[in-house]
Amino acid sequence: MKALFVCTGNTCRSVMAEYLFRREAAERGLTDWEARSCGTAAEPFFAVPAGVKKALSERGFDRVEHQARLVDRELMRWADLVLPLTRAHRDALHQGFPEHRHKIRLLLEAAGSGADDVDDPIGQADHVYLQCRDQIEKAVRGLIQKHAPTTTGPRP
């Protein structure tokens, strides 16, 4: 499976989702599962906030190296599943890439966790980034379990 996570600036939510998805897939032995991320209003000079780095460091990611990337047709074609973090992102993707509408699903919805948005933590206190990470982490686990039900959990 090729999962594409989409938020606004591609520095917070989608980055955390990409990192967490890669780790969870690897721990479950899903070697052919890949993740990328992008944003609906991303610019390559947007920096990953310290709150994201801290949130991911608490999960063992020592280095978070990422360059923000704007969503484009190449990424949309690449993906098997496009996972926007909010309804506004979903609607923008539907409008901009109608030919890929069939593979666009809200992250929480695709994970079986309802159809809510994942709120943007940008510019807020560290605890907000941690809450956002936890919400995304739970969704990523649910997503993988739902789409790879034969997995039994982390490898020994």
Protein backbone atom coordinates (compact mmCIF):
# COMPACT_ATOMS: atom_id res chain seq x y z
CA MET A 1 0.00 0.00 0.00
CA LYS A 2 1.15 3.51 -0.83
CA ALA A 3 -0.36 6.05 1.57
CA LEU A 4 -0.25 9.80 0.96
CA PHE A 5 -0.99 12.03 3.96
CA VAL A 6 -2.16 15.57 3.20
CA CYS A 7 -2.46 18.61 5.45
CA THR A 8 -2.00 22.33 4.83
CA GLY A 9 1.69 23.25 5.04
CA ASN A 10 3.16 19.73 5.18
CA THR A 11 5.14 20.48 8.32
CA CYS A 12 3.04 19.12 11.21
CA ARG A 13 0.18 16.64 10.88
CA SER A 14 1.04 14.97 7.59
CA VAL A 15 4.71 14.71 8.58
CA MET A 16 3.84 13.01 11.86
CA ALA A 17 1.46 10.67 10.02
CA GLU A 18 4.13 9.77 7.46
CA TYR A 19 6.76 8.97 10.10
CA LEU A 20 4.36 7.04 12.33
CA PHE A 21 2.91 5.07 9.40
CA ARG A 22 6.35 4.02 8.18
CA ARG A 23 7.36 2.80 11.62
CA GLU A 24 4.09 0.95 12.28
CA ALA A 25 4.19 -0.75 8.87
CA ALA A 26 7.81 -1.79 9.38
CA GLU A 27 7.09 -3.16 12.86
CA ARG A 28 4.29 -5.26 11.39
CA GLY A 29 6.55 -6.58 8.64
CA LEU A 30 4.69 -4.77 5.85
CA THR A 31 7.81 -4.17 3.82
CA ASP A 32 5.99 -3.13 0.66
CA TRP A 33 3.96 -0.42 2.44
CA GLU A 34 5.13 3.13 1.83
CA ALA A 35 4.14 6.60 2.98
CA ARG A 36 4.67 10.11 1.73
CA SER A 37 3.20 13.44 2.72
CA CYS A 38 2.39 16.79 1.17
CA GLY A 39 0.29 19.89 1.70
CA THR A 40 -2.42 21.84 -0.04
CA ALA A 41 -0.54 25.11 0.59
CA ALA A 42 3.02 23.90 1.19
CA GLU A 43 6.20 25.75 0.30
CA PRO A 44 9.63 24.09 0.37
CA PHE A 45 10.98 26.71 2.76
CA PHE A 46 8.39 25.87 5.46
CA ALA A 47 10.27 24.39 8.43
CA VAL A 48 9.13 21.53 10.62
CA PRO A 49 8.22 23.09 14.00
CA ALA A 50 10.07 22.18 17.17
CA GLY A 51 6.80 20.79 18.59
CA VAL A 52 6.66 18.17 15.83
CA LYS A 53 10.30 17.22 16.38
CA LYS A 54 9.67 16.88 20.12
CA ALA A 55 6.51 14.83 19.61
CA LEU A 56 8.30 12.44 17.25
CA SER A 57 11.44 12.29 19.41
CA GLU A 58 9.27 10.93 22.21
CA ARG A 59 8.49 8.05 19.86
CA GLY A 60 12.16 7.37 19.16
CA PHE A 61 12.70 9.43 16.02
CA ASP A 62 16.07 11.06 16.63
CA ARG A 63 16.09 13.01 13.40
CA VAL A 64 13.17 14.50 11.56
CA GLU A 65 14.35 15.60 8.16
CA HIS A 66 11.62 16.79 5.88
CA GLN A 67 11.10 19.33 3.13
CA ALA A 68 7.55 20.54 2.69
CA ARG A 69 6.01 19.58 -0.64
CA LEU A 70 2.91 20.81 -2.42
CA VAL A 71 0.42 18.16 -3.52
CA ASP A 72 0.63 17.44 -7.25
CA ARG A 73 -0.61 14.96 -9.82
CA GLU A 74 2.53 12.84 -9.58
CA LEU A 75 1.96 12.23 -5.86
CA MET A 76 -1.75 11.63 -6.39
CA ARG A 77 -1.01 9.03 -9.10
CA TRP A 78 1.60 7.37 -6.89
CA ALA A 79 -0.78 6.84 -3.97
CA ASP A 80 -3.15 3.93 -3.48
CA LEU A 81 -4.86 5.83 -0.66
CA VAL A 82 -4.87 9.61 -0.18
CA LEU A 83 -5.50 10.59 3.43
CA PRO A 84 -6.32 14.25 4.05
CA LEU A 85 -6.36 15.35 7.69
CA THR A 86 -9.45 17.56 7.41
CA ARG A 87 -12.63 17.86 5.40
CA ALA A 88 -11.29 21.12 3.90
CA HIS A 89 -8.22 19.26 2.62
CA ARG A 90 -10.46 16.51 1.26
CA ASP A 91 -12.66 19.02 -0.53
CA ALA A 92 -9.63 20.79 -2.04
CA LEU A 93 -8.30 17.45 -3.30
CA HIS A 94 -11.68 16.51 -4.77
CA GLN A 95 -11.76 19.81 -6.61
CA GLY A 96 -8.15 19.80 -7.77
CA PHE A 97 -7.83 16.12 -8.59
CA PRO A 98 -11.30 14.79 -9.45
CA GLU A 99 -9.81 11.82 -11.30
CA HIS A 100 -8.44 10.54 -7.96
CA ARG A 101 -11.61 11.10 -5.94
CA HIS A 102 -12.11 7.35 -5.47
CA LYS A 103 -8.97 7.00 -3.35
CA ILE A 104 -9.36 10.10 -1.15
CA ARG A 105 -10.60 9.40 2.41
CA LEU A 106 -10.26 11.37 5.61
CA LEU A 107 -7.59 9.80 7.81
CA LEU A 108 -9.85 9.25 10.80
CA GLU A 109 -12.63 7.89 8.59
CA ALA A 110 -10.29 5.48 6.80
CA ALA A 111 -9.05 4.30 10.20
CA GLY A 112 -12.58 3.63 11.43
CA SER A 113 -12.42 6.49 13.96
CA GLY A 114 -15.22 8.69 12.66
CA ALA A 115 -15.15 11.59 10.22
CA ASP A 116 -13.65 14.31 12.39
CA ASP A 117 -10.82 16.60 11.41
CA VAL A 118 -7.36 16.37 12.95
CA ASP A 119 -6.85 19.92 14.22
CA ASP A 120 -3.71 21.83 13.27
CA PRO A 121 -1.28 22.29 16.18
CA ILE A 122 0.87 24.90 14.41
CA GLY A 123 2.04 27.65 16.73
CA GLN A 124 0.53 26.10 19.85
CA ALA A 125 2.08 24.72 23.03
CA ASP A 126 4.00 21.45 22.99
CA HIS A 127 1.18 19.54 24.70
CA VAL A 128 -1.07 20.31 21.71
CA TYR A 129 1.49 18.73 19.36
CA LEU A 130 1.62 15.69 21.64
CA GLN A 131 -2.18 15.36 21.61
CA CYS A 132 -2.18 15.68 17.82
CA ARG A 133 0.54 13.03 17.55
CA ASP A 134 -1.43 10.67 19.78
CA GLN A 135 -4.57 11.13 17.69
CA ILE A 136 -2.65 10.49 14.47
CA GLU A 137 -0.78 7.53 15.95
CA LYS A 138 -4.03 5.87 16.97
CA ALA A 139 -5.49 6.51 13.51
CA VAL A 140 -2.42 5.12 11.75
CA ARG A 141 -2.60 1.93 13.80
CA GLY A 142 -6.31 1.61 13.03
CA LEU A 143 -5.71 2.27 9.35
CA ILE A 144 -3.04 -0.41 9.10
CA GLN A 145 -5.11 -2.90 11.08
CA LYS A 146 -8.12 -2.23 8.86
CA HIS A 147 -6.22 -2.54 5.58
CA ALA A 148 -3.88 -5.36 6.64
CA PRO A 149 -6.10 -7.41 8.99
CA THR A 150 -3.83 -10.44 8.78
CA THR A 151 -1.10 -8.61 10.69
CA THR A 152 -0.83 -9.67 14.29
CA GLY A 153 1.02 -6.72 15.71
CA PRO A 154 4.63 -5.76 16.13
CA ARG A 155 7.29 -8.23 15.15
CA PRO A 156 9.33 -9.75 17.98
